[in-house]
Amino acid sequence: MWDCMLVGDVSCIPFFLATVVIGNSVVLNLFLALLLSNFGSSSLSAPTADNDT
């Protein structure tokens, strides 16, 4: 960011802020999708005893 501000102008700030916000939302979305898929795959019902012998 500092390199862009040294070469360019203050117009670099919105670009980097948008990049940080979008990047954080993508990482958060991927983490939540992974978390919710793990909860969805597990069974929340009580285990049943299958005695086939």
N, C-alpha and C. Protein backbone atom coordinates (compact mmCIF):
# COMPACT_ATOMS: atom_id res chain seq x y z
N MET A 1 0.83 -1.18 0.00
CA MET A 1 0.00 0.00 0.00
C MET A 1 0.87 1.25 0.00
N TRP A 2 1.95 1.21 0.79
CA TRP A 2 2.79 2.40 0.85
C TRP A 2 3.49 2.64 -0.48
N ASP A 3 3.88 1.56 -1.17
CA ASP A 3 4.52 1.73 -2.47
C ASP A 3 3.57 2.38 -3.47
N CYS A 4 2.33 1.97 -3.45
CA CYS A 4 1.34 2.56 -4.36
C CYS A 4 1.11 4.03 -4.02
N MET A 5 1.08 4.35 -2.75
CA MET A 5 0.86 5.74 -2.36
C MET A 5 2.06 6.60 -2.71
N LEU A 6 3.28 6.02 -2.65
CA LEU A 6 4.45 6.80 -3.02
C LEU A 6 4.50 7.05 -4.53
N VAL A 7 4.12 6.05 -5.32
CA VAL A 7 4.15 6.20 -6.77
C VAL A 7 2.92 6.96 -7.25
N GLY A 8 1.77 6.58 -6.72
CA GLY A 8 0.52 7.18 -7.19
C GLY A 8 0.07 8.30 -6.28
N ASP A 9 -1.21 8.24 -5.96
CA ASP A 9 -1.81 9.29 -5.14
C ASP A 9 -2.62 8.62 -4.05
N VAL A 10 -3.47 9.36 -3.41
CA VAL A 10 -4.31 8.85 -2.34
C VAL A 10 -5.42 7.96 -2.91
N SER A 11 -5.55 7.93 -4.23
CA SER A 11 -6.58 7.10 -4.85
C SER A 11 -6.31 5.61 -4.68
N CYS A 12 -5.17 5.23 -4.17
CA CYS A 12 -4.86 3.81 -3.92
C CYS A 12 -5.61 3.28 -2.70
N ILE A 13 -5.97 4.15 -1.79
CA ILE A 13 -6.58 3.72 -0.53
C ILE A 13 -7.90 2.98 -0.75
N PRO A 14 -8.85 3.46 -1.57
CA PRO A 14 -10.08 2.69 -1.78
C PRO A 14 -9.84 1.32 -2.40
N PHE A 15 -8.86 1.22 -3.29
CA PHE A 15 -8.55 -0.07 -3.90
C PHE A 15 -8.09 -1.07 -2.85
N PHE A 16 -7.18 -0.68 -1.99
CA PHE A 16 -6.67 -1.60 -0.98
C PHE A 16 -7.70 -1.90 0.09
N LEU A 17 -8.52 -0.93 0.45
CA LEU A 17 -9.58 -1.21 1.42
C LEU A 17 -10.59 -2.20 0.85
N ALA A 18 -10.95 -2.03 -0.43
CA ALA A 18 -11.88 -2.98 -1.06
C ALA A 18 -11.26 -4.36 -1.14
N THR A 19 -9.97 -4.44 -1.44
CA THR A 19 -9.28 -5.73 -1.51
C THR A 19 -9.28 -6.42 -0.15
N VAL A 20 -9.02 -5.69 0.90
CA VAL A 20 -8.99 -6.27 2.24
C VAL A 20 -10.39 -6.73 2.66
N VAL A 21 -11.40 -5.92 2.41
CA VAL A 21 -12.77 -6.28 2.80
C VAL A 21 -13.25 -7.50 2.03
N ILE A 22 -13.04 -7.52 0.73
CA ILE A 22 -13.48 -8.66 -0.09
C ILE A 22 -12.69 -9.91 0.28
N GLY A 23 -11.40 -9.78 0.51
CA GLY A 23 -10.58 -10.93 0.90
C GLY A 23 -11.02 -11.51 2.23
N ASN A 24 -11.30 -10.65 3.20
CA ASN A 24 -11.75 -11.14 4.50
C ASN A 24 -13.12 -11.80 4.41
N SER A 25 -14.01 -11.26 3.59
CA SER A 25 -15.33 -11.88 3.46
C SER A 25 -15.24 -13.23 2.76
N VAL A 26 -14.34 -13.38 1.80
CA VAL A 26 -14.16 -14.68 1.13
C VAL A 26 -13.61 -15.71 2.10
N VAL A 27 -12.62 -15.34 2.88
CA VAL A 27 -12.05 -16.28 3.85
C VAL A 27 -13.08 -16.65 4.91
N LEU A 28 -13.85 -15.69 5.39
CA LEU A 28 -14.89 -15.97 6.37
C LEU A 28 -15.97 -16.88 5.79
N ASN A 29 -16.35 -16.64 4.53
CA ASN A 29 -17.36 -17.46 3.88
C ASN A 29 -16.86 -18.90 3.72
N LEU A 30 -15.61 -19.09 3.34
CA LEU A 30 -15.06 -20.44 3.20
C LEU A 30 -15.00 -21.15 4.55
N PHE A 31 -14.61 -20.44 5.60
CA PHE A 31 -14.56 -21.03 6.93
C PHE A 31 -15.94 -21.44 7.40
N LEU A 32 -16.93 -20.59 7.20
CA LEU A 32 -18.29 -20.93 7.62
C LEU A 32 -18.87 -22.08 6.81
N ALA A 33 -18.56 -22.14 5.53
CA ALA A 33 -19.03 -23.26 4.70
C ALA A 33 -18.43 -24.57 5.18
N LEU A 34 -17.15 -24.56 5.52
CA LEU A 34 -16.51 -25.76 6.04
C LEU A 34 -17.10 -26.16 7.38
N LEU A 35 -17.35 -25.20 8.23
CA LEU A 35 -17.92 -25.47 9.54
C LEU A 35 -19.33 -26.02 9.42
N LEU A 36 -20.15 -25.42 8.57
CA LEU A 36 -21.53 -25.88 8.41
C LEU A 36 -21.60 -27.24 7.71
N SER A 37 -20.68 -27.53 6.81
CA SER A 37 -20.70 -28.84 6.16
C SER A 37 -20.33 -29.94 7.15
N ASN A 38 -19.46 -29.63 8.10
CA ASN A 38 -19.12 -30.63 9.12
C ASN A 38 -20.29 -30.88 10.05
N PHE A 39 -21.06 -29.85 10.37
CA PHE A 39 -22.23 -30.05 11.21
C PHE A 39 -23.33 -30.78 10.45
N GLY A 40 -23.44 -30.55 9.17
CA GLY A 40 -24.48 -31.18 8.37
C GLY A 40 -24.21 -32.65 8.13
N SER A 41 -22.96 -33.06 8.13
CA SER A 41 -22.64 -34.46 7.84
C SER A 41 -22.79 -35.35 9.06
N SER A 42 -22.75 -34.78 10.23
CA SER A 42 -22.86 -35.61 11.43
C SER A 42 -24.33 -35.84 11.77
N SER A 43 -24.60 -36.97 12.34
CA SER A 43 -25.96 -37.31 12.73
C SER A 43 -26.18 -36.88 14.17
N LEU A 44 -27.27 -36.19 14.41
CA LEU A 44 -27.55 -35.70 15.75
C LEU A 44 -28.51 -36.60 16.50
N SER A 45 -28.95 -37.69 15.88
CA SER A 45 -29.87 -38.61 16.56
C SER A 45 -29.09 -39.55 17.48
N ALA A 46 -29.79 -40.12 18.43
CA ALA A 46 -29.16 -41.03 19.38
C ALA A 46 -28.79 -42.33 18.67
N PRO A 47 -27.65 -42.89 19.00
CA PRO A 47 -27.24 -44.15 18.36
C PRO A 47 -28.15 -45.30 18.80
N THR A 48 -28.44 -46.19 17.87
CA THR A 48 -29.28 -47.35 18.18
C THR A 48 -28.41 -48.59 18.28
N ALA A 49 -28.82 -49.50 19.12
CA ALA A 49 -28.07 -50.74 19.32
C ALA A 49 -28.59 -51.79 18.33
N ASP A 50 -27.74 -52.23 17.44
CA ASP A 50 -28.10 -53.26 16.47
C ASP A 50 -27.46 -54.58 16.91
N ASN A 51 -28.26 -55.45 17.48
CA ASN A 51 -27.78 -56.76 17.93
C ASN A 51 -28.23 -57.81 16.93
N ASP A 52 -27.35 -58.16 16.00
CA ASP A 52 -27.67 -59.14 14.98
C ASP A 52 -27.26 -60.55 15.38
N THR A 53 -26.73 -60.76 16.55
CA THR A 53 -26.27 -62.09 16.94
C THR A 53 -27.29 -62.84 17.73
